[in-house]
Amino acid sequence: MQRVWESHQFREIYDANTTPFETDSPVIRVQTFCHSTSYRNWKSRNDLPSPGIIAFLILSGRQKRVRRAGGREEIGPGFFAMFDLRTLDSDFIAASEKVERYFILLDPNPLLRGLLGQMFPDGLPAFQAGQPERIRHCFEKIRDEITRPDAEDARIGGAAYTLLHEAMTQRPAEPLPEALLLAKRCIDDRFHECRLARADVARAARVSVSTLAALFRRHLNTTIWGEIRDRRMAKARQLLTFSNKPVSEIASECGFSYAYYLTREFRASCGMTPLAYRRASRKM
């Protein structure tokens, strides 16, 4: 069952899991999948404890993560996190730009809590994913299973387990170096520039190109250009889904000098043309 909630601050497309469920059923229960977009000045506060565990991935845009105990950080594309609504210790406040996310709400049954305790003994994960596309595909598999006419909790739960396993695999053993954080910030701020070069990113990170390239390989399993490409593709998907702008204008906003180059990169990344993606995304 799909529902759309929309206001001047956000648009959220929910796919609810309507399959019959027994509380003692030995499966991971996904209650809902949501494709969420927050607009300028959106602010979310979670003051009332609620049952459920949320997993989310930022697809595009940046938002501030403000902790109730003090301290804040900015998080952007590729950031994955899970949190328990009953013990939530932070608020999430969007920056002055559009922020697009996937998230799922999981039933906090004993099976799930046991798995999370084994997979993440140091606490629920929150990290910048090295391969965010793999996590995005896991979310989309969950959505596909929930929306099947013959949806079954076993298949949906299996897709959710794949997401948890991918998160466990990608969770970094140590915080990202400052140079990488500065590089990612530069890419987020300047990906729309057609002439953005590796040297520009390295200069912003205060290291040499070769040092930065090695950091990207070691910590994120990608290249500087791969990170720029992923950021551009995330923005392109957002604009194709939520705007009626022509492909030529989207190409310009995403750092491509011509629509042809966007189409070529988009086909290589997503397996279809930008217009085909627009049609498919609006059928969800």
Foldseek 3Di string as FASTA:
>chain_A
DWDWDDDPFKIKIKQAQPDDDDLPDLFWFWGIKIKMKTAFFDWWDQDDQDFWKKKKFWLAAKWKKAFQVGDIDIDGHQKIWMDGSRDDGITITGHRGMIIMIMITIGPGPNVVVVCCVLPVPDTDIARFLCSVQLVVLSVQLVVLSPDPPRDRRSNRVSVVVNSVSCSVRRDPDHQDQLQVQLLVVLSVCLLALPDDLQNSNVSSVHGSVVVQVSSCPNRVDGSVVSSLSNLLSQLLVCLAPHPDDLQVSCNRRRHPGSVVVQVSNCVVPVHGSNVSSVVNVVD
